[in-house]
Every structure is written in C-alpha cells, then in structure tokens.
Amino acid sequence: MSRPIPVRNIWILFLYAADLVQFRDKYERDVEDARDLPDLIGRLLAHVVEDRMRKNLSRGYRSKSAVLQRVRGRIDMLATETAQLMDRGQVACRFEEHVMDTPRNRLVRTALERLAARVDNIETAHRCRKLAADFARFGVSGMRPSRAQLATDQIGRNESADRMMVALARMVFDGSIPTEIEGNALQPGDETTEHLIRRLFERAVGNAWRIQLEPEGWHVAQGRRISWPVSAASSGLHAILPGMQTDIELNHPQTGRRVVIDTKFTRILTSSNYRSEVLRSGYLYQMYSYLRTQEQESDAPSLAAKGILLHPQTGGYVNEMMMVQGHEISFRTIDLTASASNFERQLRLLDAN
C-alpha cells in the first residue's frame, strides 16, 4: 500500500467498526476541519464530551462504609456493636455512593489528557486539556481503567452518546495517534497506522455485512472457531496443530446458503519469478481449507459454501472468482483511497450472492 488514505475514510471505518453509523452525518464540520487523525479524534471526543456535560455525565455506584449519625443503606451490626457506636449516637453503615468516578469516565479523562499532550492543533489540545481538568474537578480519577474494570461498566442500549465517547477514547489507546503524520491523509507505510486500520477494517466489514444482510434473513457471525476433521492423530499433534477461525461467516437458513469471508490487510496481489502479479497462494490455500475441511453430508450448506477473500487496497480494483470442487471462491478488494461516498458505497454494497 503506497497511496495515502483519506482521514474521512478512516472515520467511516471507525463508525462501522464501532457500530455507530447513525452518527455519520452529525460531525461533518469536525471531519472537514481536522488536519490529521489525532486532530480529528480530539475534535470529536471534545465535541461529544461537551455535549455529555451539558446533559450531565453518566454516574455509577461505589460501595462505601462509614460511621454516621443516621442510618444510610445497611447497618453493619458487628462494627456498630464492637465499637459501641450507639452509645455515642452513631451507627456503622454500608451503602452505595453515587459517583462520577466510573471506569468509562476515567478512560475518557485519560484519553483527553493524552490527546492534549500529542495533538498539534493548539485549539484542539486546549479543549482536551480543559475538559480533562473538568473531569478532575468532578472527582474522576486520572488512572486509566483496566479492561476488567471497563467490562464491569456496561453501556446501556439507550446510551449511544456514551458509546461514541468511549469508542473514541478507546481509539486513543489502540495505537491510533501517529503524531508524525500531517495533512488530511494517512500514509499506509506507517506501522501504527496499519495496526489501526487493520483493526477497524476487520470489524467495519463485519458490521457492514450485518447492517445490509440481516434484514434479508442472513445470520452474520464474526470470529467463529472451526475444527479440523481429524480422524486419527499422534499423541503430540494437538499441542502443535494450529486452530482455524473465520473472520466472518454468513448463513441464510431459508435458502441454505453459506458464505465464509476472510479479510486480509495486505495487497491481494503479489509477484513471482514468472509473473508480475499473482494471487497470494497462502491465503488461497487457507480459504480452501476452511471450505473443504468443513464439508459434512449432514450439513448441506457446507457442501456448496462460498468463500470470499476480501482485501483493502489503495487504488485499483479486483473482483474475480473461480469454482473449485463445488465451492465458489471470490477475490475482491475495497479501495481505501476512494472518495468518501464511493468508499462507503463499497462497504455497504458488498454482495453475498
């Protein structure tokens, strides 16, 4: 990959990957004005946080114990009797305290602080710094929460604004702030950028298929593990046998159709000693294994399952197919450098037929 990827297309990937496509048109001005990806994330996170503050940040509950003059929550009888607190008109209580120091708010504060230190745009950095200070005044800790802590802070179905806020904050810590890149495009040669786009691309494609195909009766599964049909093996084989996991699998129960999609963040074509352009054989063998090893007479869709190797590409377009032992295998690309409207059209018009 050599051509620069427009920041707007990274934004579209993010929206699909985070399942937040409903916000596509809400932040047009921020997307247009952003100089680079860190500036875009900073602008958007500041915008969302400012909006949340106007409507009150979400709160959580924290367990607390205290000696009080009146009962609050549950009485800790053992502590009360042991210290003879009632003789002094006091009681030991355990209760839940309503606080803003939640894992999601801590994540956002630490993300704002990181952006303030790394974003080149002075105005964006100032907004992030000010908002981080506001979080501190609200009692939100500056310690980044662990994955386990974030997992306990479930975001409700109706908290879409918080989902956007947390998704942007996560993006800050996903190795997605390549500060050395300027302008309104990202250079794919940068390792940090490729890591980010790879993660976004895989999730965005899966969600794009789901949005388009679930209303038509398709079931969309991502990251399903499949097994080798081993009939006999030596004692040490299973310790070294690699597993198999599909990126995306589509099933249509009514018609018995199945499609296995593998997304690869590499160029779909390479070169050999004899040809300047040739499909990558390793990926082809992998897809062939996915399809053929899962064939079972009792599972009719497995006998004619279709495979799609889907690659991002910077410029150009590939859409080829072949039939191999009853299985159609397609080779397709999505142009990451296309115009924003064309790029999104490619995502949404992926065809499972």
Protein backbone atom coordinates (compact mmCIF):
# COMPACT_ATOMS: atom_id res chain seq x y z
CA MET A 1 0.00 0.00 0.00
CA SER A 2 1.52 3.28 -1.04
CA ARG A 3 -1.17 5.87 -1.66
CA PRO A 4 -2.40 7.95 1.28
CA ILE A 5 -5.72 7.04 2.91
CA PRO A 6 -8.09 10.00 3.47
CA VAL A 7 -8.85 10.68 7.13
CA ARG A 8 -12.56 10.78 6.25
CA ASN A 9 -12.38 7.13 5.18
CA ILE A 10 -10.73 6.19 8.48
CA TRP A 11 -13.66 7.94 10.16
CA ILE A 12 -16.15 5.89 8.12
CA LEU A 13 -14.31 2.68 9.06
CA PHE A 14 -14.45 3.72 12.71
CA LEU A 15 -18.21 4.33 12.58
CA TYR A 16 -18.90 0.92 11.09
CA ALA A 17 -16.40 -0.83 13.37
CA ALA A 18 -17.94 0.77 16.48
CA ASP A 19 -21.48 0.15 15.19
CA LEU A 20 -22.18 3.88 15.32
CA VAL A 21 -23.18 4.53 11.72
CA GLN A 22 -26.12 6.65 12.91
CA PHE A 23 -23.59 9.40 13.73
CA ARG A 24 -22.23 9.51 10.18
CA ASP A 25 -23.61 12.97 9.34
CA LYS A 26 -23.55 14.52 12.80
CA TYR A 27 -19.92 15.67 12.91
CA GLU A 28 -19.36 16.77 9.32
CA ARG A 29 -17.72 20.07 10.27
CA ASP A 30 -15.23 18.41 12.63
CA VAL A 31 -14.35 15.83 9.99
CA GLU A 32 -13.84 18.51 7.34
CA ASP A 33 -11.74 20.77 9.57
CA ALA A 34 -9.46 18.09 11.02
CA ARG A 35 -5.84 18.34 9.85
CA ASP A 36 -4.95 14.75 10.69
CA LEU A 37 -6.26 11.73 12.57
CA PRO A 38 -5.19 12.82 16.10
CA ASP A 39 -6.81 16.21 15.49
CA LEU A 40 -9.99 14.51 14.27
CA ILE A 41 -10.20 12.22 17.31
CA GLY A 42 -9.50 15.16 19.62
CA ARG A 43 -12.17 17.35 18.00
CA LEU A 44 -14.77 14.60 18.05
CA LEU A 45 -14.05 13.47 21.61
CA ALA A 46 -14.17 17.08 22.84
CA HIS A 47 -17.43 17.64 20.97
CA VAL A 48 -19.07 14.52 22.43
CA VAL A 49 -17.80 15.20 25.96
CA GLU A 50 -19.00 18.82 25.89
CA ASP A 51 -22.41 17.59 24.80
CA ARG A 52 -22.48 14.96 27.56
CA MET A 53 -21.53 17.56 30.17
CA ARG A 54 -24.43 19.76 29.13
CA LYS A 55 -26.75 16.80 29.68
CA ASN A 56 -24.88 15.50 32.77
CA LEU A 57 -22.22 12.83 32.63
CA SER A 58 -23.27 9.31 33.46
CA ARG A 59 -22.70 8.22 37.04
CA GLY A 60 -22.11 4.93 38.76
CA TYR A 61 -22.24 3.42 42.22
CA ARG A 62 -19.37 2.66 44.58
CA SER A 63 -19.60 0.60 47.76
CA LYS A 64 -18.61 2.54 50.86
CA SER A 65 -18.53 2.02 54.61
CA ALA A 66 -18.75 4.88 57.12
CA VAL A 67 -19.72 5.74 60.69
CA LEU A 68 -22.70 8.10 60.51
CA GLN A 69 -25.12 9.93 62.76
CA ARG A 70 -28.09 8.37 60.96
CA VAL A 71 -28.74 5.16 59.07
CA ARG A 72 -27.80 5.04 55.42
CA GLY A 73 -28.04 1.83 53.46
CA ARG A 74 -27.44 -1.23 55.64
CA ILE A 75 -26.29 -1.24 59.25
CA ASP A 76 -23.05 -3.09 59.94
CA MET A 77 -24.17 -4.61 63.23
CA LEU A 78 -20.81 -6.20 64.06
CA ALA A 79 -18.87 -2.95 63.62
CA THR A 80 -21.55 -0.98 65.45
CA GLU A 81 -21.63 -3.30 68.48
CA THR A 82 -17.87 -3.85 68.63
CA ALA A 83 -17.15 -0.13 68.81
CA GLN A 84 -20.26 0.56 70.94
CA LEU A 85 -21.18 3.28 68.48
CA MET A 86 -24.82 3.51 69.51
CA ASP A 87 -23.75 4.76 72.94
CA ARG A 88 -22.38 7.80 71.13
CA GLY A 89 -25.38 8.19 68.84
CA GLN A 90 -23.59 6.72 65.83
CA VAL A 91 -24.01 3.72 63.57
CA ALA A 92 -21.71 1.89 61.13
CA CYS A 93 -23.29 1.69 57.69
CA ARG A 94 -22.59 0.14 54.32
CA PHE A 95 -24.09 1.90 51.34
CA GLU A 96 -23.77 2.60 47.63
CA GLU A 97 -22.47 6.06 46.79
CA HIS A 98 -23.45 7.82 43.55
CA VAL A 99 -20.18 8.93 41.90
CA MET A 100 -18.80 10.16 38.59
CA ASP A 101 -15.56 8.24 39.08
CA THR A 102 -16.63 5.37 36.83
CA PRO A 103 -14.37 3.28 34.56
CA ARG A 104 -15.78 4.88 31.41
CA ASN A 105 -15.25 8.41 32.74
CA ARG A 106 -11.70 7.54 33.84
CA LEU A 107 -11.00 6.21 30.35
CA VAL A 108 -12.27 9.43 28.79
CA ARG A 109 -10.26 11.64 31.15
CA THR A 110 -7.01 9.78 30.44
CA ALA A 111 -7.74 9.87 26.69
CA LEU A 112 -8.29 13.63 26.83
CA GLU A 113 -5.01 14.09 28.70
CA ARG A 114 -3.11 12.02 26.15
CA LEU A 115 -4.66 13.93 23.25
CA ALA A 116 -3.87 17.28 24.90
CA ALA A 117 -0.20 16.29 25.00
CA ARG A 118 0.01 14.90 21.47
CA VAL A 119 -2.33 16.85 19.21
CA ASP A 120 -0.54 19.55 17.22
CA ASN A 121 -3.60 21.74 16.75
CA ILE A 122 -3.44 24.29 19.59
CA GLU A 123 -7.19 24.83 19.82
CA THR A 124 -7.99 21.11 19.93
CA ALA A 125 -5.27 20.48 22.51
CA HIS A 126 -6.64 23.31 24.69
CA ARG A 127 -10.19 21.92 24.53
CA CYS A 128 -8.96 18.46 25.53
CA ARG A 129 -6.86 19.86 28.38
CA LYS A 130 -9.75 21.93 29.73
CA LEU A 131 -12.18 19.01 29.60
CA ALA A 132 -9.70 16.72 31.35
CA ALA A 133 -9.42 19.34 34.13
CA ASP A 134 -13.23 19.45 34.36
CA PHE A 135 -13.28 15.68 34.84
CA ALA A 136 -10.72 16.05 37.63
CA ARG A 137 -12.91 18.65 39.38
CA PHE A 138 -15.83 16.22 39.16
CA GLY A 139 -13.77 13.71 41.11
CA VAL A 140 -12.88 11.45 38.19
CA SER A 141 -9.55 9.71 38.80
CA GLY A 142 -6.69 10.15 36.34
CA MET A 143 -5.79 6.46 36.41
CA ARG A 144 -6.64 4.60 33.22
CA PRO A 145 -9.05 1.72 33.95
CA SER A 146 -8.14 -1.88 33.19
CA ARG A 147 -10.03 -3.98 30.66
CA ALA A 148 -11.65 -5.87 33.53
CA GLN A 149 -12.87 -2.63 35.11
CA LEU A 150 -14.27 -1.41 31.79
CA ALA A 151 -16.07 -4.72 31.34
CA THR A 152 -17.99 -4.09 34.57
CA ASP A 153 -19.19 -0.70 33.33
CA GLN A 154 -21.74 -1.85 30.78
CA ILE A 155 -23.14 0.82 28.47
CA GLY A 156 -26.90 0.61 28.10
CA ARG A 157 -28.76 0.25 24.83
CA ASN A 158 -30.02 3.83 25.06
CA GLU A 159 -26.63 5.36 25.90
CA SER A 160 -25.48 5.89 22.32
CA ALA A 161 -23.69 9.15 23.17
CA ASP A 162 -21.65 7.34 25.82
CA ARG A 163 -20.87 4.56 23.34
CA MET A 164 -19.46 7.14 20.95
CA MET A 165 -17.48 8.79 23.75
CA VAL A 166 -15.98 5.51 24.96
CA ALA A 167 -15.28 4.24 21.43
CA LEU A 168 -13.32 7.41 20.63
CA ALA A 169 -11.43 7.17 23.93
CA ARG A 170 -10.54 3.54 23.21
CA MET A 171 -9.25 4.58 19.81
CA VAL A 172 -6.72 6.85 21.52
CA PHE A 173 -5.19 3.84 23.28
CA ASP A 174 -5.34 1.47 20.32
CA GLY A 175 -2.09 2.78 18.90
CA SER A 176 -4.02 5.19 16.72
CA ILE A 177 -2.29 8.50 17.39
CA PRO A 178 0.51 8.70 14.81
CA THR A 179 1.55 12.28 15.57
CA GLU A 180 4.28 12.36 12.94
CA ILE A 181 1.68 12.30 10.14
CA GLU A 182 0.24 15.59 8.96
CA GLY A 183 -2.34 16.54 6.40
CA ASN A 184 -5.76 15.08 5.68
CA ALA A 185 -4.48 11.63 4.73
CA LEU A 186 -2.61 8.76 6.39
CA GLN A 187 0.39 7.05 4.86
CA PRO A 188 -0.18 3.28 4.99
CA GLY A 189 3.52 2.56 5.34
CA ASP A 190 3.41 3.66 8.97
CA GLU A 191 3.23 0.63 11.28
CA THR A 192 0.98 2.36 13.82
CA THR A 193 -1.44 3.43 11.12
CA GLU A 194 -1.61 -0.04 9.60
CA HIS A 195 -2.33 -1.58 13.01
CA LEU A 196 -5.23 0.82 13.48
CA ILE A 197 -6.69 0.37 10.01
CA ARG A 198 -6.39 -3.41 10.21
CA ARG A 199 -8.44 -3.48 13.41
CA LEU A 200 -11.01 -1.06 12.04
CA PHE A 201 -11.25 -2.78 8.66
CA GLU A 202 -11.98 -6.23 10.06
CA ARG A 203 -14.74 -5.01 12.37
CA ALA A 204 -16.14 -2.49 9.88
CA VAL A 205 -16.58 -5.10 7.15
CA GLY A 206 -18.38 -7.47 9.52
CA ASN A 207 -20.77 -4.77 10.69
CA ALA A 208 -21.36 -3.53 7.15
CA TRP A 209 -22.41 -7.04 6.10
CA ARG A 210 -24.63 -7.31 9.18
CA ILE A 211 -26.36 -3.98 8.53
CA GLN A 212 -27.03 -4.89 4.92
CA LEU A 213 -27.87 -8.59 5.16
CA GLU A 214 -29.59 -9.25 8.49
CA PRO A 215 -32.83 -7.60 7.28
CA GLU A 216 -32.75 -10.12 4.40
CA GLY A 217 -32.68 -13.09 6.78
CA TRP A 218 -28.93 -13.69 6.92
CA HIS A 219 -27.16 -14.60 10.15
CA VAL A 220 -23.79 -12.85 10.47
CA ALA A 221 -21.15 -14.30 12.81
CA GLN A 222 -17.67 -12.90 13.39
CA GLY A 223 -14.66 -14.81 14.68
CA ARG A 224 -16.12 -18.34 14.70
CA ARG A 225 -13.66 -21.10 15.55
CA ILE A 226 -13.78 -24.21 13.37
CA SER A 227 -12.13 -27.58 13.89
CA TRP A 228 -10.03 -29.87 11.75
CA PRO A 229 -11.92 -33.11 10.91
CA VAL A 230 -9.15 -35.23 12.42
CA SER A 231 -9.93 -38.97 12.34
CA ALA A 232 -6.62 -40.10 13.86
CA ALA A 233 -3.61 -38.31 15.31
CA SER A 234 -0.33 -38.93 17.07
CA SER A 235 -0.13 -38.15 20.78
CA GLY A 236 1.62 -34.82 20.41
CA LEU A 237 -0.24 -33.41 17.42
CA HIS A 238 -2.95 -31.43 19.20
CA ALA A 239 -0.35 -29.46 21.14
CA ILE A 240 1.11 -28.08 17.91
CA LEU A 241 -1.84 -28.16 15.48
CA PRO A 242 -2.89 -24.59 14.59
CA GLY A 243 -6.52 -23.68 15.06
CA MET A 244 -8.82 -22.20 12.45
CA GLN A 245 -11.05 -19.17 12.87
CA THR A 246 -13.14 -17.48 10.22
CA ASP A 247 -13.31 -13.69 10.16
CA ILE A 248 -16.94 -13.52 9.05
CA GLU A 249 -19.46 -16.25 8.30
CA LEU A 250 -22.84 -15.67 6.69
CA ASN A 251 -25.68 -18.18 6.83
CA HIS A 252 -29.11 -17.93 5.24
CA PRO A 253 -31.27 -20.66 6.84
CA GLN A 254 -34.16 -20.30 4.40
CA THR A 255 -32.06 -20.92 1.29
CA GLY A 256 -29.30 -23.00 2.87
CA ARG A 257 -26.57 -20.68 1.63
CA ARG A 258 -23.29 -20.15 3.45
CA VAL A 259 -20.51 -17.65 2.77
CA VAL A 260 -17.13 -17.58 4.52
CA ILE A 261 -15.26 -14.26 4.33
CA ASP A 262 -11.63 -13.77 5.22
CA THR A 263 -10.36 -10.20 5.47
CA LYS A 264 -6.66 -9.62 4.92
CA PHE A 265 -4.87 -6.34 5.45
CA THR A 266 -2.35 -6.88 2.68
CA ARG A 267 -2.31 -6.35 -1.07
CA ILE A 268 -4.34 -9.05 -2.76
CA LEU A 269 -1.69 -9.48 -5.46
CA THR A 270 2.00 -10.21 -5.15
CA SER A 271 4.70 -11.12 -7.66
CA SER A 272 6.51 -14.32 -8.51
CA ASN A 273 9.54 -15.31 -10.55
CA TYR A 274 7.35 -15.68 -13.60
CA ARG A 275 4.53 -13.15 -13.18
CA SER A 276 4.44 -9.55 -12.05
CA GLU A 277 1.00 -10.02 -10.46
CA VAL A 278 -0.33 -13.20 -8.91
CA LEU A 279 -2.79 -14.00 -6.11
CA ARG A 280 -1.19 -14.84 -2.78
CA SER A 281 -1.14 -18.63 -2.62
CA GLY A 282 -1.09 -18.90 1.18
CA TYR A 283 -4.42 -17.10 1.54
CA LEU A 284 -5.94 -19.19 -1.23
CA TYR A 285 -4.85 -22.42 0.49
CA GLN A 286 -6.28 -21.12 3.77
CA MET A 287 -9.69 -20.43 2.25
CA TYR A 288 -9.65 -23.80 0.50
CA SER A 289 -9.01 -25.44 3.88
CA TYR A 290 -11.85 -23.51 5.52
CA LEU A 291 -14.30 -24.73 2.90
CA ARG A 292 -13.20 -28.30 2.28
CA THR A 293 -12.47 -29.36 5.87
CA GLN A 294 -15.95 -28.37 7.00
CA GLU A 295 -17.84 -30.44 4.44
CA GLN A 296 -20.33 -32.84 6.01
CA GLU A 297 -23.07 -34.82 4.30
CA SER A 298 -25.41 -33.96 7.18
CA ASP A 299 -24.76 -30.22 6.69
CA ALA A 300 -25.97 -29.34 3.19
CA PRO A 301 -24.77 -25.69 3.21
CA SER A 302 -21.20 -26.86 3.88
CA LEU A 303 -21.09 -28.80 0.60
CA ALA A 304 -21.50 -25.68 -1.55
CA ALA A 305 -20.25 -22.94 0.77
CA LYS A 306 -18.83 -19.89 -0.92
CA GLY A 307 -15.54 -18.25 0.06
CA ILE A 308 -14.56 -14.59 -0.31
CA LEU A 309 -11.06 -13.22 0.20
CA LEU A 310 -11.53 -9.52 0.85
CA HIS A 311 -8.55 -7.16 0.87
CA PRO A 312 -8.27 -3.41 1.33
CA GLN A 313 -6.36 -1.72 -1.45
CA THR A 314 -5.03 1.76 -2.12
CA GLY A 315 -6.03 2.30 -5.72
CA GLY A 316 -7.25 -0.19 -8.29
CA TYR A 317 -9.96 -2.81 -8.04
CA VAL A 318 -10.07 -6.61 -8.18
CA ASN A 319 -13.22 -8.74 -8.43
CA GLU A 320 -12.50 -12.26 -9.69
CA MET A 321 -13.89 -15.73 -8.94
CA MET A 322 -13.42 -19.42 -9.66
CA MET A 323 -15.24 -22.70 -8.94
CA VAL A 324 -13.22 -25.37 -7.14
CA GLN A 325 -14.80 -28.76 -6.33
CA GLY A 326 -18.25 -27.27 -5.88
CA HIS A 327 -17.13 -24.15 -3.99
CA GLU A 328 -17.06 -20.67 -5.48
CA ILE A 329 -14.06 -18.67 -4.28
CA SER A 330 -14.01 -14.92 -4.94
CA PHE A 331 -11.19 -12.40 -4.70
CA ARG A 332 -12.26 -8.82 -4.02
CA THR A 333 -10.83 -5.51 -2.92
CA ILE A 334 -12.10 -2.32 -1.30
CA ASP A 335 -10.29 0.85 -2.33
CA LEU A 336 -9.36 2.72 0.86
CA THR A 337 -8.33 5.79 -1.13
CA ALA A 338 -11.64 6.22 -2.96
CA SER A 339 -13.81 9.26 -2.38
CA ALA A 340 -15.75 9.08 0.88
CA SER A 341 -19.08 8.44 -0.85
CA ASN A 342 -17.62 5.75 -3.10
CA PHE A 343 -15.72 4.17 -0.22
CA GLU A 344 -18.85 3.82 1.90
CA ARG A 345 -20.75 2.52 -1.10
CA GLN A 346 -18.15 -0.24 -1.43
CA LEU A 347 -18.66 -1.20 2.21
CA ARG A 348 -22.44 -1.19 2.02
CA LEU A 349 -22.80 -2.87 -1.37
CA LEU A 350 -20.81 -5.99 -0.60
CA ASP A 351 -22.72 -8.75 -2.32
CA ALA A 352 -23.18 -12.18 -0.75
CA ASN A 353 -24.96 -13.62 -3.78
